[in-house]
N, C-alpha and C. Protein backbone atom coordinates (compact mmCIF):
# COMPACT_ATOMS: atom_id res chain seq x y z
N MET A 1 0.84 -1.18 0.00
CA MET A 1 0.00 0.00 0.00
C MET A 1 0.89 1.24 0.00
N GLN A 2 0.47 2.23 -0.75
CA GLN A 2 1.22 3.47 -0.81
C GLN A 2 1.24 4.18 0.54
N ASP A 3 2.37 4.81 0.81
CA ASP A 3 2.51 5.56 2.06
C ASP A 3 2.51 7.05 1.74
N PHE A 4 1.44 7.72 2.11
CA PHE A 4 1.34 9.16 1.89
C PHE A 4 1.72 9.95 3.14
N SER A 5 2.08 9.26 4.22
CA SER A 5 2.37 9.96 5.48
C SER A 5 3.50 10.98 5.37
N PRO A 6 4.53 10.80 4.50
CA PRO A 6 5.56 11.84 4.42
C PRO A 6 5.02 13.20 3.94
N PHE A 7 3.83 13.20 3.32
CA PHE A 7 3.26 14.44 2.82
C PHE A 7 2.31 15.11 3.80
N LEU A 8 2.10 14.47 4.95
CA LEU A 8 1.21 15.02 5.97
C LEU A 8 2.00 15.98 6.86
N HIS A 9 1.63 17.24 6.87
CA HIS A 9 2.30 18.25 7.68
C HIS A 9 1.40 18.60 8.86
N PRO A 10 1.76 18.13 10.07
CA PRO A 10 0.89 18.32 11.25
C PRO A 10 0.68 19.79 11.60
N ILE A 11 -0.54 20.08 12.01
CA ILE A 11 -0.93 21.38 12.56
C ILE A 11 -1.32 21.10 14.01
N LEU A 12 -0.76 21.82 14.95
CA LEU A 12 -0.99 21.58 16.39
C LEU A 12 -0.76 20.11 16.75
N PRO A 13 0.45 19.61 16.55
CA PRO A 13 0.70 18.17 16.75
C PRO A 13 0.49 17.67 18.17
N ASP A 14 0.50 18.56 19.16
CA ASP A 14 0.33 18.13 20.55
C ASP A 14 -1.12 18.13 21.00
N ALA A 15 -2.04 18.51 20.13
CA ALA A 15 -3.46 18.54 20.50
C ALA A 15 -3.97 17.12 20.65
N ASP A 16 -4.61 16.83 21.77
CA ASP A 16 -5.13 15.49 22.01
C ASP A 16 -6.52 15.28 21.41
N ALA A 17 -7.32 16.32 21.36
CA ALA A 17 -8.72 16.18 20.98
C ALA A 17 -8.94 16.12 19.47
N VAL A 18 -8.01 16.69 18.72
CA VAL A 18 -8.19 16.80 17.28
C VAL A 18 -6.86 16.54 16.59
N ARG A 19 -6.91 15.86 15.47
CA ARG A 19 -5.72 15.65 14.64
C ARG A 19 -5.94 16.39 13.34
N THR A 20 -4.96 17.21 12.97
CA THR A 20 -5.09 18.06 11.78
C THR A 20 -3.78 18.06 11.01
N VAL A 21 -3.88 17.95 9.68
CA VAL A 21 -2.69 18.03 8.83
C VAL A 21 -2.98 18.86 7.58
N LEU A 22 -1.92 19.44 7.08
CA LEU A 22 -1.91 20.13 5.80
C LEU A 22 -1.30 19.16 4.79
N PHE A 23 -1.87 19.08 3.60
CA PHE A 23 -1.43 18.13 2.59
C PHE A 23 -1.32 18.84 1.25
N PRO A 24 -0.13 18.86 0.63
CA PRO A 24 0.01 19.49 -0.69
C PRO A 24 -0.71 18.67 -1.77
N ILE A 25 -1.57 19.32 -2.51
CA ILE A 25 -2.33 18.63 -3.55
C ILE A 25 -1.41 18.02 -4.60
N ASP A 26 -0.29 18.68 -4.87
CA ASP A 26 0.62 18.14 -5.90
C ASP A 26 1.31 16.85 -5.45
N SER A 27 1.12 16.43 -4.22
CA SER A 27 1.65 15.13 -3.77
C SER A 27 1.10 14.01 -4.63
N LEU A 28 -0.14 14.17 -5.07
CA LEU A 28 -0.76 13.13 -5.89
C LEU A 28 -0.25 13.18 -7.32
N ASP A 29 0.31 14.32 -7.74
CA ASP A 29 0.94 14.38 -9.06
C ASP A 29 2.29 13.67 -9.01
N LYS A 30 3.01 13.89 -7.92
CA LYS A 30 4.33 13.29 -7.75
C LYS A 30 4.23 11.79 -7.45
N HIS A 31 3.17 11.41 -6.73
CA HIS A 31 2.95 10.01 -6.34
C HIS A 31 1.49 9.66 -6.59
N PRO A 32 1.14 9.41 -7.86
CA PRO A 32 -0.27 9.10 -8.17
C PRO A 32 -0.77 7.88 -7.40
N VAL A 33 -2.05 7.90 -7.11
CA VAL A 33 -2.67 6.78 -6.42
C VAL A 33 -2.63 5.58 -7.37
N GLU A 34 -1.86 4.57 -6.99
CA GLU A 34 -1.66 3.41 -7.86
C GLU A 34 -2.89 2.53 -7.95
N HIS A 35 -3.57 2.36 -6.84
CA HIS A 35 -4.75 1.49 -6.79
C HIS A 35 -5.89 2.23 -6.09
N PRO A 36 -6.65 3.04 -6.83
CA PRO A 36 -7.74 3.79 -6.19
C PRO A 36 -8.71 2.90 -5.43
N ASP A 37 -8.92 1.67 -5.90
CA ASP A 37 -9.86 0.78 -5.22
C ASP A 37 -9.33 0.33 -3.86
N ALA A 38 -8.05 0.55 -3.57
CA ALA A 38 -7.51 0.26 -2.24
C ALA A 38 -7.73 1.43 -1.28
N TRP A 39 -8.06 2.59 -1.83
CA TRP A 39 -8.25 3.80 -1.01
C TRP A 39 -9.70 4.25 -0.95
N LEU A 40 -10.46 3.99 -2.01
CA LEU A 40 -11.83 4.47 -2.09
C LEU A 40 -12.80 3.31 -2.22
N ASN A 41 -13.86 3.31 -1.39
CA ASN A 41 -14.87 2.27 -1.52
C ASN A 41 -15.74 2.58 -2.75
N ALA A 42 -16.66 1.71 -3.04
CA ALA A 42 -17.48 1.85 -4.26
C ALA A 42 -18.24 3.17 -4.30
N SER A 43 -18.85 3.58 -3.19
CA SER A 43 -19.62 4.83 -3.20
C SER A 43 -18.69 6.04 -3.36
N GLU A 44 -17.51 5.98 -2.76
CA GLU A 44 -16.55 7.08 -2.93
C GLU A 44 -16.04 7.14 -4.37
N GLN A 45 -15.79 5.98 -4.96
CA GLN A 45 -15.36 5.96 -6.36
C GLN A 45 -16.44 6.53 -7.27
N ALA A 46 -17.69 6.20 -6.99
CA ALA A 46 -18.81 6.73 -7.79
C ALA A 46 -18.91 8.24 -7.63
N GLU A 47 -18.76 8.73 -6.40
CA GLU A 47 -18.81 10.17 -6.17
C GLU A 47 -17.67 10.88 -6.91
N TYR A 48 -16.50 10.28 -6.88
CA TYR A 48 -15.33 10.84 -7.57
C TYR A 48 -15.59 10.93 -9.07
N GLN A 49 -16.20 9.92 -9.63
CA GLN A 49 -16.45 9.87 -11.08
C GLN A 49 -17.52 10.86 -11.53
N THR A 50 -18.38 11.32 -10.61
CA THR A 50 -19.47 12.22 -11.02
C THR A 50 -18.97 13.62 -11.35
N SER A 51 -17.83 14.00 -10.83
CA SER A 51 -17.31 15.35 -11.09
C SER A 51 -16.58 15.38 -12.43
N SER A 52 -16.87 16.41 -13.20
CA SER A 52 -16.19 16.57 -14.49
C SER A 52 -15.10 17.64 -14.40
N ASN A 53 -15.05 18.35 -13.29
CA ASN A 53 -14.07 19.41 -13.11
C ASN A 53 -12.77 18.81 -12.57
N GLY A 54 -11.71 18.84 -13.38
CA GLY A 54 -10.44 18.23 -13.00
C GLY A 54 -9.85 18.79 -11.71
N LYS A 55 -9.94 20.11 -11.53
CA LYS A 55 -9.41 20.75 -10.31
C LYS A 55 -10.17 20.26 -9.08
N ARG A 56 -11.49 20.24 -9.16
CA ARG A 56 -12.32 19.79 -8.05
C ARG A 56 -12.06 18.31 -7.73
N LYS A 57 -11.87 17.51 -8.77
CA LYS A 57 -11.58 16.09 -8.55
C LYS A 57 -10.27 15.92 -7.79
N ARG A 58 -9.24 16.69 -8.16
CA ARG A 58 -7.95 16.61 -7.47
C ARG A 58 -8.09 17.02 -6.01
N GLU A 59 -8.84 18.09 -5.75
CA GLU A 59 -9.04 18.56 -4.37
C GLU A 59 -9.80 17.50 -3.57
N TRP A 60 -10.87 16.96 -4.15
CA TRP A 60 -11.68 15.95 -3.47
C TRP A 60 -10.83 14.73 -3.15
N LEU A 61 -10.09 14.22 -4.16
CA LEU A 61 -9.27 13.03 -3.95
C LEU A 61 -8.16 13.31 -2.94
N SER A 62 -7.54 14.47 -3.01
CA SER A 62 -6.48 14.83 -2.06
C SER A 62 -7.00 14.85 -0.64
N SER A 63 -8.19 15.39 -0.43
CA SER A 63 -8.73 15.44 0.93
C SER A 63 -9.03 14.03 1.45
N ARG A 64 -9.54 13.15 0.60
CA ARG A 64 -9.82 11.78 1.03
C ARG A 64 -8.54 11.01 1.33
N ILE A 65 -7.56 11.14 0.46
CA ILE A 65 -6.28 10.44 0.68
C ILE A 65 -5.61 10.97 1.94
N ALA A 66 -5.59 12.30 2.11
CA ALA A 66 -4.95 12.89 3.30
C ALA A 66 -5.63 12.43 4.58
N LEU A 67 -6.95 12.44 4.60
CA LEU A 67 -7.68 12.05 5.81
C LEU A 67 -7.45 10.56 6.13
N LYS A 68 -7.52 9.72 5.12
CA LYS A 68 -7.31 8.30 5.35
C LYS A 68 -5.85 8.02 5.72
N ALA A 69 -4.90 8.72 5.10
CA ALA A 69 -3.48 8.55 5.45
C ALA A 69 -3.23 8.97 6.90
N LEU A 70 -3.90 10.03 7.34
CA LEU A 70 -3.79 10.49 8.73
C LEU A 70 -4.34 9.43 9.69
N LEU A 71 -5.49 8.88 9.37
CA LEU A 71 -6.09 7.84 10.21
C LEU A 71 -5.20 6.59 10.27
N LEU A 72 -4.59 6.25 9.14
CA LEU A 72 -3.64 5.13 9.11
C LEU A 72 -2.43 5.43 9.98
N ARG A 73 -1.87 6.61 9.80
CA ARG A 73 -0.68 7.00 10.57
C ARG A 73 -0.95 6.98 12.07
N ASP A 74 -2.15 7.41 12.46
CA ASP A 74 -2.50 7.46 13.88
C ASP A 74 -2.97 6.11 14.43
N GLY A 75 -3.06 5.10 13.57
CA GLY A 75 -3.47 3.77 14.02
C GLY A 75 -4.96 3.62 14.27
N VAL A 76 -5.76 4.54 13.76
CA VAL A 76 -7.22 4.47 13.94
C VAL A 76 -7.81 3.39 13.03
N ILE A 77 -7.23 3.23 11.85
CA ILE A 77 -7.67 2.21 10.90
C ILE A 77 -6.45 1.40 10.46
N ARG A 78 -6.72 0.19 9.95
CA ARG A 78 -5.63 -0.65 9.46
C ARG A 78 -5.45 -0.54 7.95
N ARG A 79 -6.53 -0.17 7.28
CA ARG A 79 -6.47 0.01 5.82
C ARG A 79 -7.48 1.08 5.43
N PRO A 80 -7.26 1.75 4.31
CA PRO A 80 -8.14 2.86 3.92
C PRO A 80 -9.61 2.49 3.77
N LEU A 81 -9.90 1.27 3.40
CA LEU A 81 -11.29 0.86 3.21
C LEU A 81 -12.01 0.61 4.52
N ASP A 82 -11.31 0.70 5.65
CA ASP A 82 -11.95 0.55 6.97
C ASP A 82 -12.72 1.80 7.37
N VAL A 83 -12.64 2.84 6.56
CA VAL A 83 -13.35 4.08 6.87
C VAL A 83 -14.07 4.58 5.62
N SER A 84 -15.23 5.13 5.85
CA SER A 84 -15.99 5.77 4.79
C SER A 84 -16.25 7.21 5.23
N ILE A 85 -16.11 8.13 4.32
CA ILE A 85 -16.38 9.53 4.61
C ILE A 85 -17.76 9.82 4.02
N ARG A 86 -18.72 10.03 4.90
CA ARG A 86 -20.10 10.23 4.49
C ARG A 86 -20.56 11.63 4.87
N LYS A 87 -21.63 12.06 4.27
CA LYS A 87 -22.19 13.37 4.58
C LYS A 87 -23.46 13.21 5.40
N THR A 88 -23.62 14.12 6.37
CA THR A 88 -24.85 14.18 7.13
C THR A 88 -25.93 14.80 6.23
N PRO A 89 -27.19 14.77 6.64
CA PRO A 89 -28.23 15.42 5.84
C PRO A 89 -27.94 16.91 5.58
N ALA A 90 -27.21 17.55 6.49
CA ALA A 90 -26.86 18.97 6.31
C ALA A 90 -25.63 19.15 5.43
N GLY A 91 -24.99 18.02 5.03
CA GLY A 91 -23.83 18.10 4.15
C GLY A 91 -22.48 18.06 4.84
N ALA A 92 -22.46 17.95 6.16
CA ALA A 92 -21.20 17.90 6.89
C ALA A 92 -20.58 16.51 6.77
N PRO A 93 -19.25 16.43 6.57
CA PRO A 93 -18.63 15.11 6.49
C PRO A 93 -18.53 14.44 7.85
N ARG A 94 -18.66 13.12 7.86
CA ARG A 94 -18.51 12.30 9.06
C ARG A 94 -17.68 11.08 8.68
N LEU A 95 -16.87 10.63 9.61
CA LEU A 95 -16.12 9.39 9.41
C LEU A 95 -16.96 8.24 9.95
N VAL A 96 -17.10 7.21 9.16
CA VAL A 96 -17.71 5.98 9.63
C VAL A 96 -16.60 4.95 9.56
N ILE A 97 -16.13 4.53 10.73
CA ILE A 97 -14.99 3.62 10.83
C ILE A 97 -15.51 2.23 11.17
N TYR A 98 -15.20 1.30 10.30
CA TYR A 98 -15.65 -0.07 10.46
C TYR A 98 -14.59 -0.89 11.18
N GLU A 99 -15.04 -1.75 12.06
CA GLU A 99 -14.15 -2.68 12.71
C GLU A 99 -14.16 -3.95 11.85
N PRO A 100 -13.04 -4.25 11.19
CA PRO A 100 -13.03 -5.39 10.26
C PRO A 100 -13.51 -6.68 10.93
N ASP A 101 -14.21 -7.47 10.14
CA ASP A 101 -14.70 -8.79 10.55
C ASP A 101 -15.75 -8.74 11.65
N THR A 102 -16.33 -7.58 11.91
CA THR A 102 -17.41 -7.47 12.89
C THR A 102 -18.46 -6.52 12.31
N PRO A 103 -19.66 -6.53 12.85
CA PRO A 103 -20.68 -5.58 12.38
C PRO A 103 -20.55 -4.22 13.07
N ARG A 104 -19.53 -4.02 13.90
CA ARG A 104 -19.42 -2.78 14.68
C ARG A 104 -18.76 -1.67 13.86
N TYR A 105 -19.17 -0.45 14.20
CA TYR A 105 -18.57 0.73 13.59
C TYR A 105 -18.66 1.89 14.56
N ALA A 106 -17.87 2.91 14.29
CA ALA A 106 -17.89 4.13 15.09
C ALA A 106 -18.00 5.32 14.14
N GLU A 107 -18.63 6.37 14.62
CA GLU A 107 -18.71 7.62 13.85
C GLU A 107 -17.90 8.68 14.57
N MET A 108 -17.19 9.47 13.78
CA MET A 108 -16.40 10.58 14.33
C MET A 108 -16.55 11.79 13.42
N ALA A 109 -16.41 12.95 14.01
CA ALA A 109 -16.48 14.19 13.24
C ALA A 109 -15.18 14.39 12.48
N CYS A 110 -15.31 14.97 11.31
CA CYS A 110 -14.13 15.37 10.54
C CYS A 110 -14.47 16.65 9.80
N SER A 111 -13.43 17.28 9.28
CA SER A 111 -13.64 18.50 8.51
C SER A 111 -12.52 18.59 7.48
N THR A 112 -12.84 19.10 6.32
CA THR A 112 -11.85 19.26 5.26
C THR A 112 -12.02 20.64 4.62
N SER A 113 -10.94 21.12 4.04
CA SER A 113 -10.99 22.37 3.30
C SER A 113 -9.84 22.37 2.31
N HIS A 114 -9.96 23.17 1.28
CA HIS A 114 -8.87 23.29 0.30
C HIS A 114 -8.80 24.72 -0.17
N SER A 115 -7.61 25.11 -0.54
CA SER A 115 -7.39 26.43 -1.12
C SER A 115 -6.05 26.39 -1.84
N GLY A 116 -6.06 26.80 -3.07
CA GLY A 116 -4.81 26.83 -3.83
C GLY A 116 -4.20 25.45 -3.94
N ASP A 117 -2.99 25.32 -3.44
CA ASP A 117 -2.22 24.09 -3.59
C ASP A 117 -2.34 23.12 -2.41
N TYR A 118 -3.22 23.41 -1.45
CA TYR A 118 -3.27 22.61 -0.24
C TYR A 118 -4.68 22.20 0.13
N VAL A 119 -4.76 21.05 0.82
CA VAL A 119 -5.96 20.68 1.54
C VAL A 119 -5.56 20.61 3.01
N ILE A 120 -6.52 20.86 3.87
CA ILE A 120 -6.33 20.67 5.30
C ILE A 120 -7.44 19.74 5.75
N VAL A 121 -7.07 18.74 6.52
CA VAL A 121 -8.05 17.76 7.00
C VAL A 121 -7.88 17.60 8.50
N SER A 122 -8.98 17.26 9.15
CA SER A 122 -8.96 17.13 10.59
C SER A 122 -10.02 16.13 11.02
N TYR A 123 -9.74 15.43 12.11
CA TYR A 123 -10.76 14.57 12.70
C TYR A 123 -10.70 14.69 14.22
N ALA A 124 -11.84 14.47 14.84
CA ALA A 124 -11.95 14.52 16.30
C ALA A 124 -11.63 13.14 16.85
N THR A 125 -10.92 13.10 17.95
CA THR A 125 -10.55 11.81 18.55
C THR A 125 -11.63 11.26 19.47
N SER A 126 -12.71 12.01 19.66
CA SER A 126 -13.81 11.58 20.50
C SER A 126 -15.12 11.92 19.81
N ARG A 127 -16.12 11.08 20.01
CA ARG A 127 -17.44 11.35 19.43
C ARG A 127 -18.08 12.60 20.01
N LYS A 128 -17.62 13.05 21.17
CA LYS A 128 -18.21 14.21 21.84
C LYS A 128 -17.72 15.53 21.26
N ILE A 129 -16.75 15.48 20.37
CA ILE A 129 -16.13 16.70 19.85
C ILE A 129 -16.64 16.99 18.44
N ARG A 130 -17.00 18.25 18.23
CA ARG A 130 -17.37 18.73 16.90
C ARG A 130 -16.24 19.61 16.40
N ILE A 131 -15.99 19.58 15.11
CA ILE A 131 -14.91 20.40 14.56
C ILE A 131 -15.33 21.05 13.26
N GLY A 132 -14.63 22.11 12.93
CA GLY A 132 -14.81 22.80 11.66
C GLY A 132 -13.52 23.52 11.33
N ILE A 133 -13.00 23.30 10.14
CA ILE A 133 -11.76 23.98 9.72
C ILE A 133 -11.97 24.62 8.37
N ASP A 134 -11.15 25.59 8.08
CA ASP A 134 -11.13 26.22 6.77
C ASP A 134 -9.73 26.74 6.50
N ILE A 135 -9.39 26.82 5.25
CA ILE A 135 -8.11 27.37 4.82
C ILE A 135 -8.40 28.25 3.61
N GLU A 136 -7.81 29.41 3.56
CA GLU A 136 -8.01 30.33 2.44
C GLU A 136 -6.71 31.03 2.12
N HIS A 137 -6.50 31.26 0.83
CA HIS A 137 -5.42 32.14 0.42
C HIS A 137 -5.87 33.58 0.61
N ARG A 138 -4.95 34.41 0.96
CA ARG A 138 -5.24 35.85 1.01
C ARG A 138 -5.52 36.28 -0.42
N THR A 139 -6.72 36.79 -0.65
CA THR A 139 -7.10 37.10 -2.02
C THR A 139 -7.98 38.35 -2.09
N TRP A 140 -7.84 39.07 -3.15
CA TRP A 140 -8.62 40.28 -3.38
C TRP A 140 -10.09 39.96 -3.64
N ARG A 141 -10.39 38.74 -4.11
CA ARG A 141 -11.78 38.41 -4.46
C ARG A 141 -12.73 38.53 -3.27
N LEU A 142 -12.20 38.31 -2.06
CA LEU A 142 -13.05 38.43 -0.88
C LEU A 142 -13.48 39.87 -0.63
N MET A 143 -12.69 40.81 -1.11
CA MET A 143 -13.09 42.22 -0.96
C MET A 143 -14.40 42.49 -1.71
N TYR A 144 -14.60 41.81 -2.84
CA TYR A 144 -15.82 42.00 -3.61
C TYR A 144 -17.01 41.25 -3.01
N LEU A 145 -16.72 40.27 -2.18
CA LEU A 145 -17.79 39.49 -1.54
C LEU A 145 -18.10 39.99 -0.13
N ARG A 146 -17.35 40.95 0.36
CA ARG A 146 -17.48 41.40 1.75
C ARG A 146 -18.92 41.68 2.16
N ARG A 147 -19.67 42.33 1.32
CA ARG A 147 -21.04 42.72 1.69
C ARG A 147 -21.92 41.49 1.98
N LYS A 148 -21.50 40.32 1.51
CA LYS A 148 -22.27 39.10 1.74
C LYS A 148 -21.94 38.43 3.07
N PHE A 149 -20.76 38.74 3.66
CA PHE A 149 -20.40 38.03 4.88
C PHE A 149 -19.93 38.91 6.03
N VAL A 150 -19.71 40.20 5.79
CA VAL A 150 -19.31 41.09 6.88
C VAL A 150 -20.56 41.73 7.47
N ALA A 151 -20.77 41.49 8.74
CA ALA A 151 -21.92 42.06 9.45
C ALA A 151 -21.52 43.38 10.08
N PRO A 152 -22.48 44.28 10.33
CA PRO A 152 -22.15 45.59 10.91
C PRO A 152 -21.38 45.49 12.23
N GLY A 153 -21.62 44.46 13.03
CA GLY A 153 -20.95 44.35 14.32
C GLY A 153 -19.60 43.66 14.27
N ASP A 154 -19.18 43.18 13.11
CA ASP A 154 -17.89 42.49 13.01
C ASP A 154 -16.74 43.46 13.27
N GLN A 155 -15.82 43.04 14.10
CA GLN A 155 -14.64 43.84 14.40
C GLN A 155 -13.49 43.39 13.51
N MET A 156 -12.90 44.30 12.80
CA MET A 156 -11.78 43.96 11.94
C MET A 156 -10.49 44.11 12.75
N LEU A 157 -9.50 43.29 12.42
CA LEU A 157 -8.25 43.25 13.18
C LEU A 157 -7.32 44.40 12.83
N ASP A 158 -7.18 44.69 11.55
CA ASP A 158 -6.20 45.68 11.09
C ASP A 158 -6.88 46.59 10.08
N LYS A 159 -7.16 47.79 10.49
CA LYS A 159 -7.88 48.73 9.61
C LYS A 159 -7.11 49.04 8.33
N ASN A 160 -5.80 48.81 8.32
CA ASN A 160 -4.98 49.11 7.15
C ASN A 160 -4.82 47.93 6.20
N ASP A 161 -5.37 46.79 6.55
CA ASP A 161 -5.24 45.60 5.72
C ASP A 161 -6.61 44.98 5.48
N LYS A 162 -7.38 45.62 4.64
CA LYS A 162 -8.75 45.16 4.41
C LYS A 162 -8.80 43.78 3.75
N THR A 163 -7.87 43.48 2.85
CA THR A 163 -7.84 42.16 2.21
C THR A 163 -7.51 41.08 3.24
N GLY A 164 -6.53 41.33 4.07
CA GLY A 164 -6.16 40.37 5.11
C GLY A 164 -7.30 40.17 6.10
N ASP A 165 -7.92 41.26 6.51
CA ASP A 165 -9.05 41.16 7.44
C ASP A 165 -10.21 40.37 6.83
N ALA A 166 -10.51 40.64 5.56
CA ALA A 166 -11.60 39.93 4.90
C ALA A 166 -11.28 38.43 4.83
N THR A 167 -10.04 38.10 4.54
CA THR A 167 -9.64 36.69 4.46
C THR A 167 -9.76 36.00 5.81
N VAL A 168 -9.29 36.66 6.86
CA VAL A 168 -9.38 36.09 8.21
C VAL A 168 -10.84 35.92 8.62
N LEU A 169 -11.66 36.94 8.38
CA LEU A 169 -13.07 36.88 8.77
C LEU A 169 -13.81 35.78 8.00
N TRP A 170 -13.59 35.71 6.69
CA TRP A 170 -14.22 34.66 5.88
C TRP A 170 -13.82 33.28 6.41
N THR A 171 -12.53 33.08 6.64
CA THR A 171 -12.02 31.78 7.10
C THR A 171 -12.63 31.42 8.45
N PHE A 172 -12.69 32.38 9.35
CA PHE A 172 -13.28 32.14 10.66
C PHE A 172 -14.76 31.76 10.55
N LYS A 173 -15.51 32.52 9.76
CA LYS A 173 -16.94 32.25 9.64
C LYS A 173 -17.21 30.94 8.92
N GLU A 174 -16.40 30.61 7.93
CA GLU A 174 -16.57 29.33 7.24
C GLU A 174 -16.29 28.17 8.19
N ALA A 175 -15.22 28.25 8.98
CA ALA A 175 -14.90 27.19 9.95
C ALA A 175 -16.00 27.08 11.01
N LEU A 176 -16.48 28.22 11.48
CA LEU A 176 -17.54 28.21 12.49
C LEU A 176 -18.83 27.61 11.92
N SER A 177 -19.17 27.92 10.69
CA SER A 177 -20.38 27.35 10.10
C SER A 177 -20.24 25.83 9.96
N LYS A 178 -19.03 25.35 9.67
CA LYS A 178 -18.81 23.90 9.61
C LYS A 178 -18.93 23.29 11.00
N LEU A 179 -18.37 23.97 11.99
CA LEU A 179 -18.45 23.47 13.37
C LEU A 179 -19.90 23.34 13.83
N LEU A 180 -20.70 24.33 13.52
CA LEU A 180 -22.10 24.35 13.94
C LEU A 180 -23.01 23.55 13.02
N GLY A 181 -22.48 23.19 11.84
CA GLY A 181 -23.27 22.41 10.89
C GLY A 181 -24.37 23.19 10.23
N VAL A 182 -24.17 24.51 10.08
CA VAL A 182 -25.22 25.34 9.48
C VAL A 182 -24.95 25.69 8.03
N GLY A 183 -23.71 25.61 7.58
CA GLY A 183 -23.38 25.88 6.20
C GLY A 183 -23.89 27.22 5.71
N TRP A 184 -23.00 28.07 5.32
CA TRP A 184 -23.43 29.39 4.85
C TRP A 184 -22.74 29.81 3.57
N ALA A 185 -21.65 29.16 3.19
CA ALA A 185 -20.94 29.61 1.99
C ALA A 185 -21.14 28.64 0.85
């Protein structure tokens, strides 16, 4: 089985409640997935095939490989097919981890995001924990969207850096909406 763990860059490695890594999307260009059926179950393969956008497919596949590689590295699963990444009715991703050779399974919260050349993935180590993450490049495009997500009571950090402030605020609100499961973007 391919080892993608060298491409996992830990974020807050000492955190006990949540495991989070940054994963370069181009890792899959340098080391293509040799056997997708060893990493993706039938429903995941079908979901992957439904997208016609090459960029979106790479981001989607990168987030799945990164999350499963993280779970493998942490010893949560023995093989990638022991976990399925499913969506709740509200669209939030959840890990369904199967215990091989038994009918038992566990559900855990997870969160994924992508921007530019990276995906960031995270999972909670306890069923009692909810998580939401987001990653964004600092970009001028958020300045044009500000009226859609900046509320009158929002406090900006740096009055001289409107692009930076918009990026931080968008990222915070996107992560919070994922945490709460309300989805707004």
